[in-house]
Amino acid sequence: MKSEIYEQVTAKIIEMLDKGEISWQKPWAASFSCRSGATNKPYSLLNQLLLGQRPGFYFTFKQVKERGGHIRKGAKSEAIFFYKTLTVDSNIVIGSKDENEAESPMKKNIPMLKMYRVFHQSDINGIDCPQIDTSGYTHTLDNTAEAVISAYISRENINFDNSASDRAFYRPFDDSVKVPNPSQFADIAEYYSTTFHELSHSTLTESRCNRKASQGITFFGSEDYSREELVAEISAAMLCHRTGVDTEKAFRNSVAYIQGWRRALKNDPVAIVWAASRAEKAARYILNDEQPE
């Protein structure tokens, strides 16, 4: 495939960026996660991690008793934490020059961290849990895109997981890619864009495309981090175009994402062109495509 295809994608990205601000939207819906049985609300990310991302409803011992339920014998509770700021009145005495003293009421914020022990619904008998629709969206997977993904992860021995979750990432230390399940995306093109984005990150390693500068990423928002995000998202747009799964809506969302990271680079005018050349290399590597002369 000629380089003109990749150049067309880059040109279209730049054209849309020049038109002005575009709002990015997270393309997937949160999966059925760990929730409070009392409020039907999902727990914070910290508590999701502490609970091992075991989906379901959780109740304290008191909440179980209040609902007439019983804890299964041998069941073990898990610790979760809640942080809040408590505002209290604090009367501070202020001395005056005429020996009179005035009390000035002031507000004082006190941080509080509280721990609770909770039980998973499977360890509780005798109570009904709220019902949540977990069916998600139904899609017909694209054969061409699926073939590209399958061939790449098989060839490179990448650990790929697309089970239901609320996270998408590439993890270098065990060479693994995690993306949400296709059923969480309203637009299947967004699923492939997200998947190609994370697979493009996997090409940064020395044994693949060797983007050495990006391997030193130490914190979110750094210049190297921002440049790597540009590479991955432009590569994803190129791969979506090559496999024929791109849509105008998905492409606009990609441009919005790119726009945010270009801003982190202080709108460097050459950042997109710099990233596009590396993105093309990443896309070609994933496709096992020939390099341009």
C-alpha atoms as a PDB file:
ATOM      1  CA  MET A   1       0.000   0.000   0.000  1.00  0.00           C
ATOM      2  CA  LYS A   2       1.411   3.374  -1.032  1.00  0.00           C
ATOM      3  CA  SER A   3       2.345   6.056   1.468  1.00  0.00           C
ATOM      4  CA  GLU A   4      -0.295   8.359  -0.026  1.00  0.00           C
ATOM      5  CA  ILE A   5      -2.944   6.586   2.070  1.00  0.00           C
ATOM      6  CA  TYR A   6      -1.168   7.536   5.307  1.00  0.00           C
ATOM      7  CA  GLU A   7      -0.482  11.058   4.045  1.00  0.00           C
ATOM      8  CA  GLN A   8      -4.190  11.536   3.305  1.00  0.00           C
ATOM      9  CA  VAL A   9      -5.095  10.619   6.885  1.00  0.00           C
ATOM     10  CA  THR A  10      -2.484  13.025   8.261  1.00  0.00           C
ATOM     11  CA  ALA A  11      -3.704  15.829   5.981  1.00  0.00           C
ATOM     12  CA  LYS A  12      -7.307  15.282   7.066  1.00  0.00           C
ATOM     13  CA  ILE A  13      -6.304  15.377  10.746  1.00  0.00           C
ATOM     14  CA  ILE A  14      -4.446  18.665  10.265  1.00  0.00           C
ATOM     15  CA  GLU A  15      -7.373  20.123   8.298  1.00  0.00           C
ATOM     16  CA  MET A  16      -9.850  19.322  11.087  1.00  0.00           C
ATOM     17  CA  LEU A  17      -7.473  20.616  13.765  1.00  0.00           C
ATOM     18  CA  ASP A  18      -7.207  23.917  11.921  1.00  0.00           C
ATOM     19  CA  LYS A  19     -10.999  24.303  11.979  1.00  0.00           C
ATOM     20  CA  GLY A  20     -11.036  24.791  15.736  1.00  0.00           C
ATOM     21  CA  GLU A  21     -12.058  23.170  19.015  1.00  0.00           C
ATOM     22  CA  ILE A  22     -13.561  19.662  19.013  1.00  0.00           C
ATOM     23  CA  SER A  23     -14.867  17.991  22.166  1.00  0.00           C
ATOM     24  CA  TRP A  24     -13.553  14.496  22.957  1.00  0.00           C
ATOM     25  CA  GLN A  25     -15.926  11.913  24.425  1.00  0.00           C
ATOM     26  CA  LYS A  26     -14.956   8.642  26.069  1.00  0.00           C
ATOM     27  CA  PRO A  27     -16.181   6.130  23.475  1.00  0.00           C
ATOM     28  CA  TRP A  28     -17.148   3.289  25.793  1.00  0.00           C
ATOM     29  CA  ALA A  29     -19.639   2.884  28.612  1.00  0.00           C
ATOM     30  CA  ALA A  30     -18.425   1.782  32.023  1.00  0.00           C
ATOM     31  CA  SER A  31     -18.835  -1.926  32.612  1.00  0.00           C
ATOM     32  CA  PHE A  32     -20.957  -3.351  35.412  1.00  0.00           C
ATOM     33  CA  SER A  33     -18.535  -2.668  38.235  1.00  0.00           C
ATOM     34  CA  CYS A  34     -18.307  -2.965  42.012  1.00  0.00           C
ATOM     35  CA  ARG A  35     -21.239  -1.066  43.498  1.00  0.00           C
ATOM     36  CA  SER A  36     -22.714  -0.150  46.826  1.00  0.00           C
ATOM     37  CA  GLY A  37     -25.784  -2.269  47.437  1.00  0.00           C
ATOM     38  CA  ALA A  38     -27.235   0.524  49.562  1.00  0.00           C
ATOM     39  CA  THR A  39     -26.955   3.316  46.983  1.00  0.00           C
ATOM     40  CA  ASN A  40     -26.623   1.415  43.672  1.00  0.00           C
ATOM     41  CA  LYS A  41     -23.650   3.683  42.853  1.00  0.00           C
ATOM     42  CA  PRO A  42     -20.258   2.435  41.608  1.00  0.00           C
ATOM     43  CA  TYR A  43     -17.343   2.685  44.017  1.00  0.00           C
ATOM     44  CA  SER A  44     -14.333   4.912  43.389  1.00  0.00           C
ATOM     45  CA  LEU A  45     -11.437   3.626  41.294  1.00  0.00           C
ATOM     46  CA  LEU A  46      -9.421   2.994  44.477  1.00  0.00           C
ATOM     47  CA  ASN A  47     -12.160   0.821  45.944  1.00  0.00           C
ATOM     48  CA  GLN A  48     -12.659  -0.950  42.605  1.00  0.00           C
ATOM     49  CA  LEU A  49      -9.001  -1.946  42.746  1.00  0.00           C
ATOM     50  CA  LEU A  50      -9.188  -2.957  46.417  1.00  0.00           C
ATOM     51  CA  LEU A  51     -12.143  -5.208  45.636  1.00  0.00           C
ATOM     52  CA  GLY A  52     -10.197  -6.855  42.857  1.00  0.00           C
ATOM     53  CA  GLN A  53     -12.622  -5.564  40.212  1.00  0.00           C
ATOM     54  CA  ARG A  54     -15.001  -8.377  41.167  1.00  0.00           C
ATOM     55  CA  PRO A  55     -18.295  -7.045  39.739  1.00  0.00           C
ATOM     56  CA  GLY A  56     -21.383  -7.013  41.897  1.00  0.00           C
ATOM     57  CA  PHE A  57     -23.041  -5.357  44.863  1.00  0.00           C
ATOM     58  CA  TYR A  58     -21.393  -5.007  48.271  1.00  0.00           C
ATOM     59  CA  PHE A  59     -22.983  -4.483  51.676  1.00  0.00           C
ATOM     60  CA  THR A  60     -21.707  -3.784  55.170  1.00  0.00           C
ATOM     61  CA  PHE A  61     -22.701  -6.203  57.946  1.00  0.00           C
ATOM     62  CA  LYS A  62     -25.133  -3.585  59.267  1.00  0.00           C
ATOM     63  CA  GLN A  63     -26.747  -3.109  55.865  1.00  0.00           C
ATOM     64  CA  VAL A  64     -27.237  -6.867  55.511  1.00  0.00           C
ATOM     65  CA  LYS A  65     -28.937  -7.083  58.912  1.00  0.00           C
ATOM     66  CA  GLU A  66     -31.142  -4.074  58.171  1.00  0.00           C
ATOM     67  CA  ARG A  67     -32.404  -5.858  55.064  1.00  0.00           C
ATOM     68  CA  GLY A  68     -33.065  -9.108  56.893  1.00  0.00           C
ATOM     69  CA  GLY A  69     -30.220 -10.949  55.214  1.00  0.00           C
ATOM     70  CA  HIS A  70     -27.563 -13.337  56.472  1.00  0.00           C
ATOM     71  CA  ILE A  71     -23.830 -13.603  55.812  1.00  0.00           C
ATOM     72  CA  ARG A  72     -22.796 -16.985  54.464  1.00  0.00           C
ATOM     73  CA  LYS A  73     -20.685 -18.987  56.927  1.00  0.00           C
ATOM     74  CA  GLY A  74     -16.989 -18.609  56.215  1.00  0.00           C
ATOM     75  CA  ALA A  75     -17.455 -15.513  54.058  1.00  0.00           C
ATOM     76  CA  LYS A  76     -14.689 -12.932  54.246  1.00  0.00           C
ATOM     77  CA  SER A  77     -15.211  -9.190  54.139  1.00  0.00           C
ATOM     78  CA  GLU A  78     -13.163  -6.715  52.110  1.00  0.00           C
ATOM     79  CA  ALA A  79     -11.931  -3.284  53.173  1.00  0.00           C
ATOM     80  CA  ILE A  80     -12.990  -0.145  51.332  1.00  0.00           C
ATOM     81  CA  PHE A  81     -12.219   3.484  52.122  1.00  0.00           C
ATOM     82  CA  PHE A  82     -14.120   6.749  51.922  1.00  0.00           C
ATOM     83  CA  TYR A  83     -12.543  10.177  52.043  1.00  0.00           C
ATOM     84  CA  LYS A  84     -14.454  13.338  52.810  1.00  0.00           C
ATOM     85  CA  THR A  85     -13.841  16.778  54.246  1.00  0.00           C
ATOM     86  CA  LEU A  86     -15.759  17.687  57.402  1.00  0.00           C
ATOM     87  CA  THR A  87     -16.426  21.408  57.870  1.00  0.00           C
ATOM     88  CA  VAL A  88     -16.733  22.566  61.497  1.00  0.00           C
ATOM     89  CA  ASP A  89     -17.011  25.902  63.299  1.00  0.00           C
ATOM     90  CA  SER A  90     -13.856  27.057  65.021  1.00  0.00           C
ATOM     91  CA  ASN A  91     -13.969  30.087  67.354  1.00  0.00           C
ATOM     92  CA  ILE A  92     -10.630  31.831  67.278  1.00  0.00           C
ATOM     93  CA  VAL A  93      -9.914  34.528  69.902  1.00  0.00           C
ATOM     94  CA  ILE A  94      -8.399  37.675  68.423  1.00  0.00           C
ATOM     95  CA  GLY A  95      -6.699  40.121  70.879  1.00  0.00           C
ATOM     96  CA  SER A  96      -7.472  43.864  70.617  1.00  0.00           C
ATOM     97  CA  LYS A  97      -5.319  46.815  71.610  1.00  0.00           C
ATOM     98  CA  ASP A  98      -7.860  48.035  74.169  1.00  0.00           C
ATOM     99  CA  GLU A  99      -7.611  44.741  76.064  1.00  0.00           C
ATOM    100  CA  ASN A 100     -11.012  43.642  74.789  1.00  0.00           C
ATOM    101  CA  GLU A 101     -11.180  40.263  73.138  1.00  0.00           C
ATOM    102  CA  ALA A 102     -13.427  39.410  70.242  1.00  0.00           C
ATOM    103  CA  GLU A 103     -14.356  35.942  69.128  1.00  0.00           C
ATOM    104  CA  SER A 104     -14.472  35.499  65.371  1.00  0.00           C
ATOM    105  CA  PRO A 105     -16.337  32.424  64.117  1.00  0.00           C
ATOM    106  CA  MET A 106     -14.388  30.650  61.384  1.00  0.00           C
ATOM    107  CA  LYS A 107     -14.859  27.506  59.348  1.00  0.00           C
ATOM    108  CA  LYS A 108     -12.297  24.744  59.559  1.00  0.00           C
ATOM    109  CA  ASN A 109     -11.984  21.827  57.156  1.00  0.00           C
ATOM    110  CA  ILE A 110     -10.932  18.502  58.632  1.00  0.00           C
ATOM    111  CA  PRO A 111     -10.000  15.664  56.238  1.00  0.00           C
ATOM    112  CA  MET A 112     -11.453  12.308  57.227  1.00  0.00           C
ATOM    113  CA  LEU A 113     -10.618   8.835  55.923  1.00  0.00           C
ATOM    114  CA  LYS A 114     -12.920   6.077  57.069  1.00  0.00           C
ATOM    115  CA  MET A 115     -12.710   2.333  56.484  1.00  0.00           C
ATOM    116  CA  TYR A 116     -15.669  -0.013  56.046  1.00  0.00           C
ATOM    117  CA  ARG A 117     -15.798  -3.806  55.728  1.00  0.00           C
ATOM    118  CA  VAL A 118     -18.129  -5.057  53.009  1.00  0.00           C
ATOM    119  CA  PHE A 119     -19.368  -8.417  51.731  1.00  0.00           C
ATOM    120  CA  HIS A 120     -19.977  -9.406  48.120  1.00  0.00           C
ATOM    121  CA  GLN A 121     -23.560 -10.259  47.186  1.00  0.00           C
ATOM    122  CA  SER A 122     -22.592 -13.891  46.519  1.00  0.00           C
ATOM    123  CA  ASP A 123     -21.742 -14.215  50.234  1.00  0.00           C
ATOM    124  CA  ILE A 124     -25.160 -12.945  51.339  1.00  0.00           C
ATOM    125  CA  ASN A 125     -28.453 -14.805  51.563  1.00  0.00           C
ATOM    126  CA  GLY A 126     -31.948 -13.393  51.931  1.00  0.00           C
ATOM    127  CA  ILE A 127     -31.703  -9.998  50.232  1.00  0.00           C
ATOM    128  CA  ASP A 128     -32.546  -8.754  46.745  1.00  0.00           C
ATOM    129  CA  CYS A 129     -30.015  -6.711  44.799  1.00  0.00           C
ATOM    130  CA  PRO A 130     -30.917  -3.932  42.345  1.00  0.00           C
ATOM    131  CA  GLN A 131     -31.186  -4.943  38.712  1.00  0.00           C
ATOM    132  CA  ILE A 132     -28.801  -3.423  36.188  1.00  0.00           C
ATOM    133  CA  ASP A 133     -28.913  -3.883  32.436  1.00  0.00           C
ATOM    134  CA  THR A 134     -25.536  -5.392  31.534  1.00  0.00           C
ATOM    135  CA  SER A 135     -26.416  -6.493  28.002  1.00  0.00           C
ATOM    136  CA  GLY A 136     -24.577  -3.622  26.316  1.00  0.00           C
ATOM    137  CA  TYR A 137     -24.474  -3.068  22.550  1.00  0.00           C
ATOM    138  CA  THR A 138     -24.653  -5.797  19.927  1.00  0.00           C
ATOM    139  CA  HIS A 139     -22.209  -5.568  17.019  1.00  0.00           C
ATOM    140  CA  THR A 140     -21.067  -7.596  14.059  1.00  0.00           C
ATOM    141  CA  LEU A 141     -17.283  -7.664  14.285  1.00  0.00           C
ATOM    142  CA  ASP A 142     -15.337  -6.603  11.217  1.00  0.00           C
ATOM    143  CA  ASN A 143     -13.453  -9.516   9.651  1.00  0.00           C
ATOM    144  CA  THR A 144     -10.644  -7.397   8.214  1.00  0.00           C
ATOM    145  CA  ALA A 145      -9.920  -5.531  11.451  1.00  0.00           C
ATOM    146  CA  GLU A 146     -10.199  -8.727  13.498  1.00  0.00           C
ATOM    147  CA  ALA A 147      -7.717 -10.465  11.195  1.00  0.00           C
ATOM    148  CA  VAL A 148      -5.196  -7.629  11.621  1.00  0.00           C
ATOM    149  CA  ILE A 149      -5.534  -7.673  15.417  1.00  0.00           C
ATOM    150  CA  SER A 150      -5.344 -11.459  15.655  1.00  0.00           C
ATOM    151  CA  ALA A 151      -2.331 -11.719  13.354  1.00  0.00           C
ATOM    152  CA  TYR A 152      -0.392  -9.008  15.194  1.00  0.00           C
ATOM    153  CA  ILE A 153      -0.939 -10.239  18.741  1.00  0.00           C
ATOM    154  CA  SER A 154      -0.159 -13.794  17.624  1.00  0.00           C
ATOM    155  CA  ARG A 155       2.998 -12.784  15.747  1.00  0.00           C
ATOM    156  CA  GLU A 156       4.272 -10.629  18.616  1.00  0.00           C
ATOM    157  CA  ASN A 157       2.975 -12.867  21.428  1.00  0.00           C
ATOM    158  CA  ILE A 158       1.130  -9.944  23.059  1.00  0.00           C
ATOM    159  CA  ASN A 159      -1.220 -10.616  25.966  1.00  0.00           C
ATOM    160  CA  PHE A 160      -4.545  -9.208  24.754  1.00  0.00           C
ATOM    161  CA  ASP A 161      -7.625  -8.847  26.968  1.00  0.00           C
ATOM    162  CA  ASN A 162     -10.924  -7.313  25.841  1.00  0.00           C
ATOM    163  CA  SER A 163     -13.134  -8.471  28.682  1.00  0.00           C
ATOM    164  CA  ALA A 164     -15.564  -5.937  30.179  1.00  0.00           C
ATOM    165  CA  SER A 165     -13.792  -3.146  32.059  1.00  0.00           C
ATOM    166  CA  ASP A 166     -13.519   0.626  32.244  1.00  0.00           C
ATOM    167  CA  ARG A 167      -9.859   0.842  31.251  1.00  0.00           C
ATOM    168  CA  ALA A 168      -7.727   0.820  28.105  1.00  0.00           C
ATOM    169  CA  PHE A 169      -3.928   0.610  28.313  1.00  0.00           C
ATOM    170  CA  TYR A 170      -0.681  -0.963  27.128  1.00  0.00           C
ATOM    171  CA  ARG A 171       1.537  -2.307  29.914  1.00  0.00           C
ATOM    172  CA  PRO A 172       5.190  -2.657  28.842  1.00  0.00           C
ATOM    173  CA  PHE A 173       6.477  -4.814  31.714  1.00  0.00           C
ATOM    174  CA  ASP A 174       4.382  -7.828  30.675  1.00  0.00           C
ATOM    175  CA  ASP A 175       3.697  -6.717  27.084  1.00  0.00           C
ATOM    176  CA  SER A 176      -0.073  -6.695  27.569  1.00  0.00           C
ATOM    177  CA  VAL A 177      -2.942  -4.731  26.047  1.00  0.00           C
ATOM    178  CA  LYS A 178      -6.264  -4.196  27.831  1.00  0.00           C
ATOM    179  CA  VAL A 179      -9.326  -2.678  26.169  1.00  0.00           C
ATOM    180  CA  PRO A 180     -13.032  -2.662  27.089  1.00  0.00           C
ATOM    181  CA  ASN A 181     -15.344  -5.212  25.499  1.00  0.00           C
ATOM    182  CA  PRO A 182     -16.919  -4.417  22.102  1.00  0.00           C
ATOM    183  CA  SER A 183     -20.363  -4.527  23.752  1.00  0.00           C
ATOM    184  CA  GLN A 184     -19.451  -1.392  25.735  1.00  0.00           C
ATOM    185  CA  PHE A 185     -19.097   0.740  22.588  1.00  0.00           C
ATOM    186  CA  ALA A 186     -22.084   2.350  20.885  1.00  0.00           C
ATOM    187  CA  ASP A 187     -20.007   2.576  17.688  1.00  0.00           C
ATOM    188  CA  ILE A 188     -17.918  -0.484  16.778  1.00  0.00           C
ATOM    189  CA  ALA A 189     -15.508   1.828  14.935  1.00  0.00           C
ATOM    190  CA  GLU A 190     -14.616   3.338  18.323  1.00  0.00           C
ATOM    191  CA  TYR A 191     -13.770  -0.138  19.643  1.00  0.00           C
ATOM    192  CA  TYR A 192     -11.314  -0.697  16.815  1.00  0.00           C
ATOM    193  CA  SER A 193      -9.895   2.814  17.191  1.00  0.00           C
ATOM    194  CA  THR A 194      -9.283   2.173  20.908  1.00  0.00           C
ATOM    195  CA  THR A 195      -7.785  -1.260  20.219  1.00  0.00           C
ATOM    196  CA  PHE A 196      -5.499   0.016  17.461  1.00  0.00           C
ATOM    197  CA  HIS A 197      -4.440   2.889  19.741  1.00  0.00           C
ATOM    198  CA  GLU A 198      -3.251   0.523  22.473  1.00  0.00           C
ATOM    199  CA  LEU A 199      -1.666  -1.893  19.993  1.00  0.00           C
ATOM    200  CA  SER A 200       0.195   1.074  18.495  1.00  0.00           C
ATOM    201  CA  HIS A 201       1.627   1.830  21.938  1.00  0.00           C
ATOM    202  CA  SER A 202       3.016  -1.711  21.989  1.00  0.00           C
ATOM    203  CA  THR A 203       5.219  -0.902  18.989  1.00  0.00           C
ATOM    204  CA  LEU A 204       7.349   1.524  21.020  1.00  0.00           C
ATOM    205  CA  THR A 205       9.576  -1.278  22.351  1.00  0.00           C
ATOM    206  CA  GLU A 206      13.154  -1.715  21.178  1.00  0.00           C
ATOM    207  CA  SER A 207      12.353  -5.003  19.435  1.00  0.00           C
ATOM    208  CA  ARG A 208       9.613  -3.348  17.368  1.00  0.00           C
ATOM    209  CA  CYS A 209       9.642   0.295  16.236  1.00  0.00           C
ATOM    210  CA  ASN A 210      12.103   1.383  18.919  1.00  0.00           C
ATOM    211  CA  ARG A 211      10.715   4.791  19.840  1.00  0.00           C
ATOM    212  CA  LYS A 212      13.475   5.225  22.419  1.00  0.00           C
ATOM    213  CA  ALA A 213      12.397   8.660  23.635  1.00  0.00           C
ATOM    214  CA  SER A 214       8.983   7.298  24.550  1.00  0.00           C
ATOM    215  CA  GLN A 215      10.404   4.436  26.600  1.00  0.00           C
ATOM    216  CA  GLY A 216      11.564   6.941  29.194  1.00  0.00           C
ATOM    217  CA  ILE A 217       8.008   8.128  29.961  1.00  0.00           C
ATOM    218  CA  THR A 218       7.831   8.799  33.663  1.00  0.00           C
ATOM    219  CA  PHE A 219       4.628  10.722  34.251  1.00  0.00           C
ATOM    220  CA  PHE A 220       1.291  11.546  32.689  1.00  0.00           C
ATOM    221  CA  GLY A 221       1.371  14.761  30.676  1.00  0.00           C
ATOM    222  CA  SER A 222       5.135  14.925  30.150  1.00  0.00           C
ATOM    223  CA  GLU A 223       6.398  15.907  26.703  1.00  0.00           C
ATOM    224  CA  ASP A 224       7.441  12.351  25.847  1.00  0.00           C
ATOM    225  CA  TYR A 225       4.090  11.029  27.088  1.00  0.00           C
ATOM    226  CA  SER A 226       2.223  13.579  24.966  1.00  0.00           C
ATOM    227  CA  ARG A 227       4.226  12.757  21.852  1.00  0.00           C
ATOM    228  CA  GLU A 228       3.636   9.032  22.327  1.00  0.00           C
ATOM    229  CA  GLU A 229      -0.126   9.651  22.623  1.00  0.00           C
ATOM    230  CA  LEU A 230      -0.049  11.561  19.337  1.00  0.00           C
ATOM    231  CA  VAL A 231       1.774   8.682  17.647  1.00  0.00           C
ATOM    232  CA  ALA A 232      -0.658   6.073  18.965  1.00  0.00           C
ATOM    233  CA  GLU A 233      -3.826   7.980  18.046  1.00  0.00           C
ATOM    234  CA  ILE A 234      -2.655   8.930  14.557  1.00  0.00           C
ATOM    235  CA  SER A 235      -1.565   5.327  13.996  1.00  0.00           C
ATOM    236  CA  ALA A 236      -5.022   4.172  15.144  1.00  0.00           C
ATOM    237  CA  ALA A 237      -6.683   6.518  12.639  1.00  0.00           C
ATOM    238  CA  MET A 238      -4.453   5.155   9.885  1.00  0.00           C
ATOM    239  CA  LEU A 239      -5.240   1.552  10.815  1.00  0.00           C
ATOM    240  CA  CYS A 240      -8.981   2.239  10.945  1.00  0.00           C
ATOM    241  CA  HIS A 241      -8.731   3.767   7.476  1.00  0.00           C
ATOM    242  CA  ARG A 242      -6.688   0.860   6.105  1.00  0.00           C
ATOM    243  CA  THR A 243      -9.098  -1.752   7.459  1.00  0.00           C
ATOM    244  CA  GLY A 244     -12.178   0.197   6.382  1.00  0.00           C
ATOM    245  CA  VAL A 245     -13.773   0.550   9.816  1.00  0.00           C
ATOM    246  CA  ASP A 246     -13.400   4.322  10.167  1.00  0.00           C
ATOM    247  CA  THR A 247     -16.480   6.515  10.477  1.00  0.00           C
ATOM    248  CA  GLU A 248     -16.742  10.300  10.476  1.00  0.00           C
ATOM    249  CA  LYS A 249     -17.840  10.297  14.119  1.00  0.00           C
ATOM    250  CA  ALA A 250     -14.970   8.066  15.254  1.00  0.00           C
ATOM    251  CA  PHE A 251     -12.479  10.088  13.219  1.00  0.00           C
ATOM    252  CA  ARG A 252     -13.677  13.360  14.751  1.00  0.00           C
ATOM    253  CA  ASN A 253     -13.226  11.865  18.204  1.00  0.00           C
ATOM    254  CA  SER A 254      -9.678  10.832  17.290  1.00  0.00           C
ATOM    255  CA  VAL A 255      -8.931  14.359  16.111  1.00  0.00           C
ATOM    256  CA  ALA A 256     -10.339  15.744  19.366  1.00  0.00           C
ATOM    257  CA  TYR A 257      -8.043  13.420  21.324  1.00  0.00           C
ATOM    258  CA  ILE A 258      -5.051  14.444  19.213  1.00  0.00           C
ATOM    259  CA  GLN A 259      -5.997  18.093  19.719  1.00  0.00           C
ATOM    260  CA  GLY A 260      -5.723  17.691  23.489  1.00  0.00           C
ATOM    261  CA  TRP A 261      -2.248  16.190  23.359  1.00  0.00           C
ATOM    262  CA  ARG A 262      -1.001  18.719  20.813  1.00  0.00           C
ATOM    263  CA  ARG A 263      -2.116  21.406  23.248  1.00  0.00           C
ATOM    264  CA  ALA A 264       0.047  19.720  25.906  1.00  0.00           C
ATOM    265  CA  LEU A 265       2.953  20.334  23.526  1.00  0.00           C
ATOM    266  CA  LYS A 266       1.989  24.033  23.374  1.00  0.00           C
ATOM    267  CA  ASN A 267       0.516  23.560  19.878  1.00  0.00           C
ATOM    268  CA  ASP A 268       3.923  22.810  18.398  1.00  0.00           C
ATOM    269  CA  PRO A 269       3.304  23.288  14.643  1.00  0.00           C
ATOM    270  CA  VAL A 270       5.534  20.351  13.666  1.00  0.00           C
ATOM    271  CA  ALA A 271       4.283  17.935  16.355  1.00  0.00           C
ATOM    272  CA  ILE A 272       1.621  16.360  14.127  1.00  0.00           C
ATOM    273  CA  VAL A 273       3.980  15.826  11.193  1.00  0.00           C
ATOM    274  CA  TRP A 274       6.651  14.453  13.559  1.00  0.00           C
ATOM    275  CA  ALA A 275       4.155  12.066  15.131  1.00  0.00           C
ATOM    276  CA  ALA A 276       2.604  11.081  11.800  1.00  0.00           C
ATOM    277  CA  SER A 277       5.888   9.737  10.443  1.00  0.00           C
ATOM    278  CA  ARG A 278       6.277   7.527  13.514  1.00  0.00           C
ATOM    279  CA  ALA A 279       2.590   6.614  13.432  1.00  0.00           C
ATOM    280  CA  GLU A 280       2.930   5.369   9.862  1.00  0.00           C
ATOM    281  CA  LYS A 281       5.854   3.198  10.916  1.00  0.00           C
ATOM    282  CA  ALA A 282       3.802   1.794  13.813  1.00  0.00           C
ATOM    283  CA  ALA A 283       0.780   1.106  11.590  1.00  0.00           C
ATOM    284  CA  ARG A 284       2.918  -0.614   8.979  1.00  0.00           C
ATOM    285  CA  TYR A 285       4.555  -2.726  11.664  1.00  0.00           C
ATOM    286  CA  ILE A 286       1.182  -3.889  12.992  1.00  0.00           C
ATOM    287  CA  LEU A 287       0.038  -4.673   9.437  1.00  0.00           C
ATOM    288  CA  ASN A 288       3.350  -6.421   8.704  1.00  0.00           C
ATOM    289  CA  ASP A 289       3.434  -4.096   5.714  1.00  0.00           C
ATOM    290  CA  GLU A 290       6.380  -3.123   3.562  1.00  0.00           C
ATOM    291  CA  GLN A 291       8.112   0.151   4.420  1.00  0.00           C
ATOM    292  CA  PRO A 292       7.995   2.973   1.843  1.00  0.00           C
ATOM    293  CA  GLU A 293      11.080   3.509  -0.276  1.00  0.00           C
END
